[in-house]
Each structure stands twice: as C-alpha cells, then as structure tokens.
C-alpha atoms as a PDB file:
ATOM      1  CA  MET A   1     -11.590  34.945 -23.004  1.00  0.00           C
ATOM      2  CA  ASP A   2     -11.477  32.030 -20.570  1.00  0.00           C
ATOM      3  CA  TYR A   3      -8.964  30.277 -22.810  1.00  0.00           C
ATOM      4  CA  GLU A   4      -6.690  33.332 -22.769  1.00  0.00           C
ATOM      5  CA  GLU A   5      -6.888  33.533 -18.989  1.00  0.00           C
ATOM      6  CA  ASN A   6      -5.964  29.848 -18.704  1.00  0.00           C
ATOM      7  CA  GLU A   7      -3.059  30.406 -21.093  1.00  0.00           C
ATOM      8  CA  GLU A   8      -1.790  33.192 -18.849  1.00  0.00           C
ATOM      9  CA  GLN A   9      -1.880  30.878 -15.876  1.00  0.00           C
ATOM     10  CA  LEU A  10       0.508  28.430 -17.537  1.00  0.00           C
ATOM     11  CA  PRO A  11       4.265  28.823 -16.951  1.00  0.00           C
ATOM     12  CA  LYS A  12       6.075  30.825 -19.586  1.00  0.00           C
ATOM     13  CA  GLY A  13       7.555  28.741 -22.356  1.00  0.00           C
ATOM     14  CA  GLU A  14       5.433  25.679 -21.592  1.00  0.00           C
ATOM     15  CA  LYS A  15       2.871  26.339 -24.346  1.00  0.00           C
ATOM     16  CA  GLU A  16       5.706  26.857 -26.876  1.00  0.00           C
ATOM     17  CA  MET A  17       6.949  23.244 -26.585  1.00  0.00           C
ATOM     18  CA  SER A  18       5.954  20.830 -29.326  1.00  0.00           C
ATOM     19  CA  PHE A  19       4.671  17.310 -28.773  1.00  0.00           C
ATOM     20  CA  LEU A  20       8.036  15.789 -29.691  1.00  0.00           C
ATOM     21  CA  GLU A  21       9.811  18.150 -27.299  1.00  0.00           C
ATOM     22  CA  HIS A  22       7.490  16.968 -24.523  1.00  0.00           C
ATOM     23  CA  LEU A  23       8.324  13.358 -25.368  1.00  0.00           C
ATOM     24  CA  GLU A  24      12.047  14.136 -25.313  1.00  0.00           C
ATOM     25  CA  GLU A  25      11.740  15.810 -21.926  1.00  0.00           C
ATOM     26  CA  LEU A  26       9.732  12.862 -20.577  1.00  0.00           C
ATOM     27  CA  ARG A  27      12.375  10.467 -21.877  1.00  0.00           C
ATOM     28  CA  TRP A  28      15.111  12.209 -19.893  1.00  0.00           C
ATOM     29  CA  HIS A  29      12.994  12.257 -16.739  1.00  0.00           C
ATOM     30  CA  ILE A  30      12.450   8.508 -17.109  1.00  0.00           C
ATOM     31  CA  ILE A  31      16.158   7.912 -17.775  1.00  0.00           C
ATOM     32  CA  ARG A  32      17.194   9.839 -14.663  1.00  0.00           C
ATOM     33  CA  ALA A  33      14.600   7.993 -12.555  1.00  0.00           C
ATOM     34  CA  LEU A  34      15.782   4.605 -13.840  1.00  0.00           C
ATOM     35  CA  LEU A  35      19.414   5.552 -13.279  1.00  0.00           C
ATOM     36  CA  SER A  36      18.692   6.420  -9.649  1.00  0.00           C
ATOM     37  CA  ILE A  37      17.006   3.029  -9.167  1.00  0.00           C
ATOM     38  CA  ALA A  38      19.931   1.283 -10.882  1.00  0.00           C
ATOM     39  CA  VAL A  39      22.517   3.040  -8.669  1.00  0.00           C
ATOM     40  CA  PHE A  40      20.803   1.985  -5.438  1.00  0.00           C
ATOM     41  CA  ALA A  41      20.125  -1.499  -6.829  1.00  0.00           C
ATOM     42  CA  ILE A  42      23.842  -1.942  -7.545  1.00  0.00           C
ATOM     43  CA  LEU A  43      24.699  -0.760  -4.035  1.00  0.00           C
ATOM     44  CA  ALA A  44      22.128  -3.166  -2.601  1.00  0.00           C
ATOM     45  CA  PHE A  45      23.661  -6.025  -4.596  1.00  0.00           C
ATOM     46  CA  ILE A  46      27.148  -5.140  -3.345  1.00  0.00           C
ATOM     47  CA  PHE A  47      25.963  -5.142   0.271  1.00  0.00           C
ATOM     48  CA  ARG A  48      23.561  -8.057  -0.220  1.00  0.00           C
ATOM     49  CA  GLU A  49      24.904 -10.178   2.635  1.00  0.00           C
ATOM     50  CA  PRO A  50      24.104  -7.742   5.504  1.00  0.00           C
ATOM     51  CA  ILE A  51      20.860  -6.736   3.761  1.00  0.00           C
ATOM     52  CA  TRP A  52      19.692 -10.334   3.601  1.00  0.00           C
ATOM     53  CA  LYS A  53      20.808 -11.104   7.129  1.00  0.00           C
ATOM     54  CA  PHE A  54      19.457  -8.030   8.916  1.00  0.00           C
ATOM     55  CA  ILE A  55      16.503  -7.040   6.686  1.00  0.00           C
ATOM     56  CA  ILE A  56      15.092  -9.690   4.354  1.00  0.00           C
ATOM     57  CA  LEU A  57      15.541 -12.748   6.581  1.00  0.00           C
ATOM     58  CA  ALA A  58      15.007 -10.874   9.857  1.00  0.00           C
ATOM     59  CA  PRO A  59      11.218 -11.537  10.056  1.00  0.00           C
ATOM     60  CA  SER A  60      11.946 -15.271   9.801  1.00  0.00           C
ATOM     61  CA  ARG A  61      13.762 -15.257  13.171  1.00  0.00           C
ATOM     62  CA  PRO A  62      12.135 -15.112  16.650  1.00  0.00           C
ATOM     63  CA  ASP A  63      14.425 -12.243  17.714  1.00  0.00           C
ATOM     64  CA  PHE A  64      12.874  -9.868  15.159  1.00  0.00           C
ATOM     65  CA  TRP A  65      11.897  -6.436  16.553  1.00  0.00           C
ATOM     66  CA  THR A  66       8.147  -6.996  16.086  1.00  0.00           C
ATOM     67  CA  TYR A  67       8.172 -10.309  17.951  1.00  0.00           C
ATOM     68  CA  ASN A  68      10.129  -8.717  20.809  1.00  0.00           C
ATOM     69  CA  MET A  69       7.594  -5.881  21.037  1.00  0.00           C
ATOM     70  CA  PHE A  70       4.707  -8.378  21.100  1.00  0.00           C
ATOM     71  CA  CYS A  71       6.443 -10.261  23.898  1.00  0.00           C
ATOM     72  CA  LYS A  72       6.903  -7.049  25.903  1.00  0.00           C
ATOM     73  CA  LEU A  73       3.249  -6.193  25.309  1.00  0.00           C
ATOM     74  CA  GLY A  74       2.296  -9.656  26.520  1.00  0.00           C
ATOM     75  CA  SER A  75       4.356  -9.280  29.698  1.00  0.00           C
ATOM     76  CA  LEU A  76       2.627  -5.982  30.471  1.00  0.00           C
ATOM     77  CA  THR A  77      -0.851  -7.455  29.963  1.00  0.00           C
ATOM     78  CA  GLY A  78      -0.071 -10.855  31.446  1.00  0.00           C
ATOM     79  CA  ALA A  79      -0.716 -12.633  28.156  1.00  0.00           C
ATOM     80  CA  ASP A  80       2.272 -14.892  27.592  1.00  0.00           C
ATOM     81  CA  PHE A  81       0.913 -16.223  24.295  1.00  0.00           C
ATOM     82  CA  PHE A  82       2.100 -13.001  22.628  1.00  0.00           C
ATOM     83  CA  CYS A  83       5.697 -14.176  23.030  1.00  0.00           C
ATOM     84  CA  ILE A  84       7.070 -16.030  20.014  1.00  0.00           C
ATOM     85  CA  ASP A  85       9.883 -18.366  21.041  1.00  0.00           C
ATOM     86  CA  GLU A  86      10.306 -20.074  17.707  1.00  0.00           C
ATOM     87  CA  LEU A  87       9.095 -20.061  14.136  1.00  0.00           C
ATOM     88  CA  PRO A  88       8.699 -23.708  13.085  1.00  0.00           C
ATOM     89  CA  PHE A  89      10.079 -23.555   9.573  1.00  0.00           C
ATOM     90  CA  ILE A  90      13.327 -23.503   7.656  1.00  0.00           C
ATOM     91  CA  ILE A  91      14.097 -21.763   4.377  1.00  0.00           C
ATOM     92  CA  GLN A  92      15.524 -23.946   1.639  1.00  0.00           C
ATOM     93  CA  ASN A  93      16.786 -23.338  -1.861  1.00  0.00           C
ATOM     94  CA  ARG A  94      15.562 -25.947  -4.326  1.00  0.00           C
ATOM     95  CA  ARG A  95      16.764 -24.389  -7.569  1.00  0.00           C
ATOM     96  CA  MET A  96      20.353 -23.879  -8.660  1.00  0.00           C
ATOM     97  CA  THR A  97      19.768 -20.333  -9.914  1.00  0.00           C
ATOM     98  CA  ALA A  98      17.329 -19.240  -7.195  1.00  0.00           C
ATOM     99  CA  GLN A  99      19.816 -17.559  -4.840  1.00  0.00           C
ATOM    100  CA  PHE A 100      21.358 -15.502  -7.621  1.00  0.00           C
ATOM    101  CA  THR A 101      17.915 -14.629  -9.006  1.00  0.00           C
ATOM    102  CA  MET A 102      16.658 -13.606  -5.570  1.00  0.00           C
ATOM    103  CA  ALA A 103      19.792 -11.494  -5.046  1.00  0.00           C
ATOM    104  CA  LEU A 104      19.035  -9.586  -8.254  1.00  0.00           C
ATOM    105  CA  THR A 105      15.315  -9.294  -7.463  1.00  0.00           C
ATOM    106  CA  SER A 106      15.828  -8.077  -3.914  1.00  0.00           C
ATOM    107  CA  SER A 107      18.471  -5.589  -5.045  1.00  0.00           C
ATOM    108  CA  PHE A 108      16.077  -4.109  -7.603  1.00  0.00           C
ATOM    109  CA  VAL A 109      13.243  -3.892  -5.055  1.00  0.00           C
ATOM    110  CA  ILE A 110      15.446  -2.210  -2.453  1.00  0.00           C
ATOM    111  CA  GLY A 111      16.799   0.153  -5.111  1.00  0.00           C
ATOM    112  CA  LEU A 112      13.231   1.025  -6.087  1.00  0.00           C
ATOM    113  CA  ILE A 113      12.230   1.732  -2.481  1.00  0.00           C
ATOM    114  CA  ILE A 114      15.247   3.900  -1.719  1.00  0.00           C
ATOM    115  CA  ALA A 115      15.100   5.778  -5.030  1.00  0.00           C
ATOM    116  CA  PHE A 116      11.325   6.229  -4.927  1.00  0.00           C
ATOM    117  CA  PRO A 117      11.401   9.846  -3.612  1.00  0.00           C
ATOM    118  CA  TYR A 118      13.784  10.972  -6.347  1.00  0.00           C
ATOM    119  CA  ALA A 119      12.057   8.920  -9.078  1.00  0.00           C
ATOM    120  CA  PHE A 120       8.669  10.355  -8.193  1.00  0.00           C
ATOM    121  CA  TRP A 121      10.189  13.851  -8.026  1.00  0.00           C
ATOM    122  CA  GLU A 122      11.438  13.420 -11.597  1.00  0.00           C
ATOM    123  CA  PHE A 123       7.959  12.500 -12.839  1.00  0.00           C
ATOM    124  CA  TRP A 124       6.439  15.341 -10.840  1.00  0.00           C
ATOM    125  CA  ARG A 125       8.868  17.787 -12.473  1.00  0.00           C
ATOM    126  CA  PHE A 126       7.447  16.725 -15.832  1.00  0.00           C
ATOM    127  CA  ILE A 127       3.791  16.915 -14.743  1.00  0.00           C
ATOM    128  CA  LYS A 128       3.875  20.117 -12.674  1.00  0.00           C
ATOM    129  CA  PRO A 129       4.556  22.633 -15.505  1.00  0.00           C
ATOM    130  CA  GLY A 130       1.380  21.463 -17.232  1.00  0.00           C
ATOM    131  CA  LEU A 131      -0.759  22.511 -14.281  1.00  0.00           C
ATOM    132  CA  TYR A 132      -2.358  25.914 -13.870  1.00  0.00           C
ATOM    133  CA  LYS A 133      -0.917  28.191 -11.207  1.00  0.00           C
ATOM    134  CA  ASN A 134      -3.826  27.595  -8.844  1.00  0.00           C
ATOM    135  CA  GLU A 135      -3.440  23.825  -9.353  1.00  0.00           C
ATOM    136  CA  GLN A 136       0.275  24.094  -8.568  1.00  0.00           C
ATOM    137  CA  GLN A 137      -0.560  25.919  -5.363  1.00  0.00           C
ATOM    138  CA  LEU A 138      -3.092  23.255  -4.375  1.00  0.00           C
ATOM    139  CA  SER A 139      -0.576  20.476  -5.067  1.00  0.00           C
ATOM    140  CA  ARG A 140       2.292  21.861  -3.010  1.00  0.00           C
ATOM    141  CA  GLY A 141       4.073  19.152  -1.045  1.00  0.00           C
ATOM    142  CA  ALA A 142       2.876  16.392  -3.389  1.00  0.00           C
ATOM    143  CA  VAL A 143       6.294  14.720  -3.528  1.00  0.00           C
ATOM    144  CA  PHE A 144       6.652  14.876   0.249  1.00  0.00           C
ATOM    145  CA  PHE A 145       3.237  13.393   1.012  1.00  0.00           C
ATOM    146  CA  VAL A 146       3.436  10.682  -1.659  1.00  0.00           C
ATOM    147  CA  THR A 147       6.856   9.654  -0.360  1.00  0.00           C
ATOM    148  CA  LEU A 148       5.727   9.805   3.265  1.00  0.00           C
ATOM    149  CA  LEU A 149       2.683   7.631   2.599  1.00  0.00           C
ATOM    150  CA  PHE A 150       4.654   5.143   0.500  1.00  0.00           C
ATOM    151  CA  LEU A 151       7.428   4.716   3.061  1.00  0.00           C
ATOM    152  CA  SER A 152       4.899   4.548   5.914  1.00  0.00           C
ATOM    153  CA  GLY A 153       3.123   1.747   4.069  1.00  0.00           C
ATOM    154  CA  ILE A 154       6.404  -0.061   3.428  1.00  0.00           C
ATOM    155  CA  LEU A 155       7.374   0.139   7.117  1.00  0.00           C
ATOM    156  CA  PHE A 156       3.907  -0.918   8.245  1.00  0.00           C
ATOM    157  CA  GLY A 157       3.984  -3.897   5.910  1.00  0.00           C
ATOM    158  CA  TYR A 158       7.502  -4.898   6.949  1.00  0.00           C
ATOM    159  CA  TYR A 159       7.171  -4.493  10.715  1.00  0.00           C
ATOM    160  CA  ILE A 160       3.505  -5.396  11.230  1.00  0.00           C
ATOM    161  CA  VAL A 161       1.777  -7.274   8.406  1.00  0.00           C
ATOM    162  CA  ALA A 162       4.679  -9.434   7.162  1.00  0.00           C
ATOM    163  CA  PRO A 163       5.872 -10.813  10.532  1.00  0.00           C
ATOM    164  CA  ILE A 164       2.323 -11.517  11.740  1.00  0.00           C
ATOM    165  CA  SER A 165       1.553 -13.267   8.470  1.00  0.00           C
ATOM    166  CA  ILE A 166       4.760 -15.298   8.625  1.00  0.00           C
ATOM    167  CA  ASN A 167       4.004 -16.319  12.196  1.00  0.00           C
ATOM    168  CA  PHE A 168       0.459 -17.402  11.329  1.00  0.00           C
ATOM    169  CA  LEU A 169       1.344 -19.268   8.140  1.00  0.00           C
ATOM    170  CA  THR A 170       4.277 -21.157   9.644  1.00  0.00           C
ATOM    171  CA  ASN A 171       2.415 -22.121  12.817  1.00  0.00           C
ATOM    172  CA  PHE A 172      -0.674 -23.346  10.973  1.00  0.00           C
ATOM    173  CA  LYS A 173      -0.414 -27.122  10.668  1.00  0.00           C
ATOM    174  CA  LEU A 174      -2.682 -29.841   9.344  1.00  0.00           C
ATOM    175  CA  ASP A 175      -0.683 -32.456  11.226  1.00  0.00           C
ATOM    176  CA  GLU A 176       2.369 -32.407  13.505  1.00  0.00           C
ATOM    177  CA  SER A 177       4.190 -34.797  11.190  1.00  0.00           C
ATOM    178  CA  ILE A 178       4.247 -32.211   8.385  1.00  0.00           C
ATOM    179  CA  LEU A 179       7.400 -30.093   8.396  1.00  0.00           C
ATOM    180  CA  ASN A 180       7.496 -26.563   7.018  1.00  0.00           C
ATOM    181  CA  GLU A 181      10.392 -26.413   4.593  1.00  0.00           C
ATOM    182  CA  ILE A 182       9.749 -23.119   2.821  1.00  0.00           C
ATOM    183  CA  ASP A 183      11.285 -22.492  -0.573  1.00  0.00           C
ATOM    184  CA  LEU A 184      13.429 -19.361  -0.795  1.00  0.00           C
ATOM    185  CA  THR A 185      11.430 -17.871  -3.676  1.00  0.00           C
ATOM    186  CA  SER A 186       8.147 -18.499  -1.818  1.00  0.00           C
ATOM    187  CA  TYR A 187       9.382 -16.677   1.291  1.00  0.00           C
ATOM    188  CA  VAL A 188      10.764 -13.695  -0.618  1.00  0.00           C
ATOM    189  CA  SER A 189       7.711 -13.330  -2.877  1.00  0.00           C
ATOM    190  CA  THR A 190       5.360 -13.462   0.121  1.00  0.00           C
ATOM    191  CA  VAL A 191       7.257 -10.785   2.052  1.00  0.00           C
ATOM    192  CA  MET A 192       7.614  -8.574  -1.025  1.00  0.00           C
ATOM    193  CA  MET A 193       3.919  -8.904  -1.894  1.00  0.00           C
ATOM    194  CA  LEU A 194       2.786  -7.959   1.614  1.00  0.00           C
ATOM    195  CA  VAL A 195       5.197  -5.042   1.954  1.00  0.00           C
ATOM    196  CA  PHE A 196       4.497  -3.540  -1.479  1.00  0.00           C
ATOM    197  CA  ALA A 197       0.754  -4.056  -1.122  1.00  0.00           C
ATOM    198  CA  CYS A 198       0.853  -1.914   2.011  1.00  0.00           C
ATOM    199  CA  GLY A 199       2.985   0.731   0.285  1.00  0.00           C
ATOM    200  CA  ILE A 200       0.490   0.969  -2.581  1.00  0.00           C
ATOM    201  CA  MET A 201      -2.613   0.890  -0.365  1.00  0.00           C
ATOM    202  CA  PHE A 202      -1.264   3.785   1.697  1.00  0.00           C
ATOM    203  CA  GLN A 203      -1.520   5.965  -1.428  1.00  0.00           C
ATOM    204  CA  LEU A 204      -5.295   6.152  -1.000  1.00  0.00           C
ATOM    205  CA  PRO A 205      -5.341   9.866   0.007  1.00  0.00           C
ATOM    206  CA  VAL A 206      -3.241  10.732  -3.057  1.00  0.00           C
ATOM    207  CA  VAL A 207      -5.604   8.840  -5.367  1.00  0.00           C
ATOM    208  CA  VAL A 208      -8.585  10.607  -3.797  1.00  0.00           C
ATOM    209  CA  TYR A 209      -6.820  13.956  -4.241  1.00  0.00           C
ATOM    210  CA  PHE A 210      -6.413  13.500  -8.001  1.00  0.00           C
ATOM    211  CA  LEU A 211      -9.902  12.039  -8.432  1.00  0.00           C
ATOM    212  CA  THR A 212     -11.310  15.059  -6.623  1.00  0.00           C
ATOM    213  CA  LYS A 213      -9.269  17.399  -8.820  1.00  0.00           C
ATOM    214  CA  ALA A 214     -10.633  15.597 -11.877  1.00  0.00           C
ATOM    215  CA  GLY A 215     -14.178  16.047 -10.621  1.00  0.00           C
ATOM    216  CA  ILE A 216     -14.807  12.289 -10.483  1.00  0.00           C
ATOM    217  CA  ILE A 217     -15.557  12.116  -6.755  1.00  0.00           C
ATOM    218  CA  THR A 218     -16.665  14.589  -4.085  1.00  0.00           C
ATOM    219  CA  PRO A 219     -16.514  14.659  -0.265  1.00  0.00           C
ATOM    220  CA  SER A 220     -20.254  13.980  -0.091  1.00  0.00           C
ATOM    221  CA  PHE A 221     -19.785  10.919  -2.322  1.00  0.00           C
ATOM    222  CA  LEU A 222     -17.089   9.547  -0.001  1.00  0.00           C
ATOM    223  CA  ARG A 223     -19.239  10.147   3.081  1.00  0.00           C
ATOM    224  CA  THR A 224     -22.329   8.594   1.496  1.00  0.00           C
ATOM    225  CA  TYR A 225     -20.498   5.418   0.524  1.00  0.00           C
ATOM    226  CA  ARG A 226     -18.405   5.105   3.702  1.00  0.00           C
ATOM    227  CA  LYS A 227     -20.094   1.816   4.681  1.00  0.00           C
ATOM    228  CA  HIS A 228     -19.514   0.398   1.212  1.00  0.00           C
ATOM    229  CA  ALA A 229     -15.867   1.467   1.435  1.00  0.00           C
ATOM    230  CA  ILE A 230     -15.473  -0.415   4.721  1.00  0.00           C
ATOM    231  CA  VAL A 231     -16.713  -3.596   3.030  1.00  0.00           C
ATOM    232  CA  VAL A 232     -14.273  -3.063   0.145  1.00  0.00           C
ATOM    233  CA  ILE A 233     -11.431  -2.486   2.624  1.00  0.00           C
ATOM    234  CA  LEU A 234     -12.307  -5.719   4.431  1.00  0.00           C
ATOM    235  CA  VAL A 235     -12.278  -7.621   1.148  1.00  0.00           C
ATOM    236  CA  ILE A 236      -8.940  -6.121   0.093  1.00  0.00           C
ATOM    237  CA  SER A 237      -7.444  -6.866   3.515  1.00  0.00           C
ATOM    238  CA  ALA A 238      -8.607 -10.474   3.216  1.00  0.00           C
ATOM    239  CA  LEU A 239      -7.018 -10.771  -0.238  1.00  0.00           C
ATOM    240  CA  ILE A 240      -3.581  -9.386   0.606  1.00  0.00           C
ATOM    241  CA  THR A 241      -3.212 -10.953   4.069  1.00  0.00           C
ATOM    242  CA  PRO A 242      -3.333 -14.542   5.305  1.00  0.00           C
ATOM    243  CA  PRO A 243      -6.775 -15.851   6.338  1.00  0.00           C
ATOM    244  CA  ASP A 244      -6.478 -14.919  10.013  1.00  0.00           C
ATOM    245  CA  VAL A 245      -8.551 -12.281  11.759  1.00  0.00           C
ATOM    246  CA  ILE A 246      -5.637 -10.474  13.440  1.00  0.00           C
ATOM    247  CA  SER A 247      -3.793  -9.731  10.200  1.00  0.00           C
ATOM    248  CA  GLN A 248      -6.961  -8.536   8.504  1.00  0.00           C
ATOM    249  CA  ILE A 249      -7.826  -6.226  11.403  1.00  0.00           C
ATOM    250  CA  LEU A 250      -4.295  -4.816  11.468  1.00  0.00           C
ATOM    251  CA  MET A 251      -4.611  -4.022   7.778  1.00  0.00           C
ATOM    252  CA  CYS A 252      -8.169  -2.671   8.032  1.00  0.00           C
ATOM    253  CA  PHE A 253      -7.539  -0.083  10.753  1.00  0.00           C
ATOM    254  CA  PRO A 254      -4.904   1.998   8.915  1.00  0.00           C
ATOM    255  CA  LEU A 255      -6.877   1.781   5.653  1.00  0.00           C
ATOM    256  CA  MET A 256     -10.037   3.020   7.373  1.00  0.00           C
ATOM    257  CA  PHE A 257      -8.012   5.810   8.956  1.00  0.00           C
ATOM    258  CA  LEU A 258      -6.590   6.710   5.540  1.00  0.00           C
ATOM    259  CA  TYR A 259     -10.110   6.704   4.111  1.00  0.00           C
ATOM    260  CA  GLU A 260     -11.158   9.296   6.696  1.00  0.00           C
ATOM    261  CA  ILE A 261      -8.056  11.336   5.831  1.00  0.00           C
ATOM    262  CA  SER A 262      -9.044  11.048   2.171  1.00  0.00           C
ATOM    263  CA  ILE A 263     -12.448  12.556   2.973  1.00  0.00           C
ATOM    264  CA  ALA A 264     -10.703  15.479   4.687  1.00  0.00           C
ATOM    265  CA  VAL A 265      -8.356  15.899   1.706  1.00  0.00           C
ATOM    266  CA  SER A 266     -11.243  15.850  -0.763  1.00  0.00           C
ATOM    267  CA  SER A 267     -13.193  18.351   1.346  1.00  0.00           C
ATOM    268  CA  THR A 268     -10.204  20.698   1.551  1.00  0.00           C
ATOM    269  CA  ILE A 269      -9.648  20.596  -2.214  1.00  0.00           C
ATOM    270  CA  LYS A 270     -13.326  21.201  -2.886  1.00  0.00           C
ATOM    271  CA  LYS A 271     -13.448  24.205  -0.548  1.00  0.00           C
ATOM    272  CA  LYS A 272     -10.338  25.754  -2.118  1.00  0.00           C
ATOM    273  CA  GLU A 273     -11.698  25.255  -5.636  1.00  0.00           C
ATOM    274  CA  ASP A 274     -15.036  26.816  -4.659  1.00  0.00           C
ATOM    275  CA  ARG A 275     -13.250  29.771  -3.082  1.00  0.00           C
ATOM    276  CA  LEU A 276     -11.081  30.329  -6.169  1.00  0.00           C
ATOM    277  CA  LEU A 277     -14.157  30.119  -8.371  1.00  0.00           C
ATOM    278  CA  LEU A 278     -15.921  32.766  -6.287  1.00  0.00           C
ATOM    279  CA  GLU A 279     -12.855  35.014  -6.452  1.00  0.00           C
ATOM    280  CA  GLU A 280     -12.712  34.717 -10.247  1.00  0.00           C
ATOM    281  CA  GLU A 281     -16.435  35.469 -10.577  1.00  0.00           C
ATOM    282  CA  SER A 282     -16.148  38.541  -8.356  1.00  0.00           C
ATOM    283  CA  LYS A 283     -13.427  40.051 -10.552  1.00  0.00           C
END
C-alpha cells in the first residue's frame, strides 16, 4: 500500500521510462550544460584582453577596489597601515606556451562561472522528476539558492580572500635582496584556487540540506558537534588560505555563519518532514 502511494506521488510518465531512456535524457542535459559553458568560454576568449586587464590581473594592482576600501577604512579609523601603496612583485611568463594556455584556462573558468546557473538548472531538471511531490515542494528554489551561494562565494573569494592573500604573500620577504618575480601560471592558479574554494565552501547549507533529506544528519547532531565543526572550519581555512591570521579569520567568519544557517535549514526540513508524517498518519 505504501509503495502504491509513493508511486502516485511521482510525476506521470516518469515511472514508464526505461533505464536507457533515463541515460539518454541525462546525456542531453549534460550536452546542453556543456554547450552553455562552451558558448561563454568562447566569448570570454574573444574578449580576453579586457577580462585579463580589468578582472584577472586587477588584484595584482594597488588600485584594486578592495585595497581602496581598506585604505578608506584606515582613514576613518586612523590606521594608515591599511592603505596599500604598492604590491612588490611583477608577473612574468617563463614558458612559451603559458600565455596561450592561461588564456584557454581562464576562458573555460569564466565560462563555467557564468554558465553555472543554467548548467545546474539542467541537472536539476533531470533530478527533480525523480523526487516525490512533497520532496519537490521542500526543494523549491534549489537552483536559486545554489546559484546565489556559489556566486556569493566566488565574489567573496575574489574581492576579499584573493587580494588579502596576494598582499600577504607578496609582502612576505626573507630578505630585502630577494625580488618577487611571480610566474604567470603561479599567479593564475593561486587566484583560481582561492576563488573556487570559496565558491565550493559556500555550498555548505546545500550539502546539509541533502544530508538531512537522506537522514544522515539531524539538527541536534549539528548543534552537538558545533565546537568540532569550528575546529574543522579553522583547519580548512588554514589549508585554503595563506598562513596569516587575517586571511584565516576572514574565511572562518562566513563559514561559521553558513554553519549556523545550515542548522536552521536542517531544522526546517526536519520539522516539515515530521509534519507531513503526522498528516499522513492522521489520514
């Protein structure tokens, strides 16, 4: 009887599809997602010069927005050391193919970031029909929130973590006679790693949502192990940021805030599931 009720909750036509038909549908969702990434990657490659000048290389210059905001903050508080007048390093290319390779790599990354909402929507279109009606109701706005968290993480990494890390790493010197001549691939890989790490870490509430739906974790579990989670967050922040306290703190605060949001998300899901279970039992 329970099986029949669950079958009725599924969308019409979904249970009639064979395994091969599901694979075919998934293939087309993947193709459309990859095509969207390819289109934006091609556009990014075409407009690579302004993208590199105003986006990728921007954190390497003292006139970057973040450095200007720090300087304004310093003038308000009377702390002049917040102002960054120069970044003591130059970017060099030491390999013949590096500039072309970095142009392709950066174009793909930018295409992935811009196309992420559509690409995730395509995968969600494939997953959503397999959910029960009550699960579909509980997961409304999934594409919006996943995209919002991902882009928020990307912006946080680009405007906060990356410039602070660049400033620390380039100003740290063992001796004044040592010049910082940074290789192009090293600079790009560092910025990309920091930015994408933030984008992925900001998906914590989404991960908690699905783990709660799967019955793996509960709100009480998250509250009980809050102190352990703080230690894990500190370790992760230390791994993905340079070894300076400021960068680690800047990474820790949003992650701790997201952890508290995750507890609220898990609690909300649990309450809704309990309410639906009571409604089904009362019928």
